[in-house]
Amino acid sequence: MGLRDQAILGVLAYTFARIGAIISLRLKDYFQVGKRSVLRLSEKGGKKKEIPVHHKLETILDRYLDAAELRKPA
């Protein structure tokens, strides 16, 4: 399984979010608040929900973003 697939399945497993909310995720929806990583999900009806990211999911997402070179240079 590729890193992208692991990231998608990880978000599904750790957030219990709907597929539509996961498909609509953008890079800006994964961010840091202090030392904590957060995912901002767009739910039905245009609602936004911020969910703290489990440390295992954080590892999966960080590994995928680094491998795909999707992060902005510091």
Protein backbone atom coordinates (compact mmCIF):
# COMPACT_ATOMS: atom_id res chain seq x y z
CA MET A 1 0.00 0.00 0.00
CA GLY A 2 1.31 3.44 -0.92
CA LEU A 3 1.82 6.31 1.49
CA ARG A 4 -1.14 8.23 0.00
CA ASP A 5 -3.45 5.27 0.59
CA GLN A 6 -2.13 4.87 4.14
CA ALA A 7 -2.82 8.57 4.76
CA ILE A 8 -6.39 8.30 3.45
CA LEU A 9 -7.13 5.14 5.44
CA GLY A 10 -5.45 6.63 8.52
CA VAL A 11 -7.67 9.72 8.40
CA LEU A 12 -10.71 7.47 7.98
CA ALA A 13 -9.72 5.25 10.91
CA TYR A 14 -8.61 7.94 13.37
CA THR A 15 -11.24 10.62 12.69
CA PHE A 16 -14.35 8.61 11.75
CA ALA A 17 -15.00 11.34 9.18
CA ARG A 18 -17.24 10.93 6.16
CA ILE A 19 -15.63 10.18 2.79
CA GLY A 20 -16.83 13.52 1.43
CA ALA A 21 -15.05 15.38 4.22
CA ILE A 22 -11.83 13.48 3.57
CA ILE A 23 -11.94 14.00 -0.18
CA SER A 24 -12.32 17.74 0.31
CA LEU A 25 -9.22 18.01 2.56
CA ARG A 26 -6.53 20.43 1.40
CA LEU A 27 -2.99 20.92 2.66
CA LYS A 28 -4.09 24.03 4.59
CA ASP A 29 -6.55 21.84 6.55
CA TYR A 30 -3.65 20.08 8.34
CA PHE A 31 -1.87 22.51 10.67
CA GLN A 32 -0.24 23.03 14.06
CA VAL A 33 -1.83 24.71 17.06
CA GLY A 34 0.97 24.98 19.56
CA LYS A 35 2.51 21.51 19.73
CA ARG A 36 -0.70 19.81 18.56
CA SER A 37 -1.54 18.88 14.96
CA VAL A 38 -5.13 19.54 13.88
CA LEU A 39 -7.29 18.55 10.91
CA ARG A 40 -10.06 20.90 9.80
CA LEU A 41 -12.87 18.90 8.20
CA SER A 42 -15.69 20.34 6.10
CA GLU A 43 -18.87 18.52 7.05
CA LYS A 44 -22.36 18.51 5.56
CA GLY A 45 -24.06 21.87 5.43
CA GLY A 46 -20.75 23.75 5.24
CA LYS A 47 -19.88 23.12 8.88
CA LYS A 48 -16.19 23.14 9.77
CA LYS A 49 -14.88 20.88 12.51
CA GLU A 50 -11.35 20.90 13.92
CA ILE A 51 -10.11 17.56 15.23
CA PRO A 52 -6.85 17.00 17.15
CA VAL A 53 -4.69 14.48 15.29
CA HIS A 54 -3.69 11.23 17.01
CA HIS A 55 0.11 10.87 17.22
CA LYS A 56 0.08 7.77 14.98
CA LEU A 57 -1.97 9.58 12.34
CA GLU A 58 0.39 12.54 12.60
CA THR A 59 3.30 10.22 11.77
CA ILE A 60 1.43 8.77 8.77
CA LEU A 61 0.45 12.20 7.42
CA ASP A 62 3.91 13.70 7.95
CA ARG A 63 5.58 10.76 6.21
CA TYR A 64 3.24 11.11 3.20
CA LEU A 65 3.63 14.90 2.95
CA ASP A 66 7.42 14.66 3.15
CA ALA A 67 7.65 11.85 0.57
CA ALA A 68 5.32 13.69 -1.82
CA GLU A 69 7.22 16.96 -1.22
CA LEU A 70 3.96 18.79 -0.51
CA ARG A 71 5.22 20.89 2.38
CA LYS A 72 6.28 24.47 1.86
CA PRO A 73 10.02 25.05 2.38
CA ALA A 74 10.80 26.68 5.73
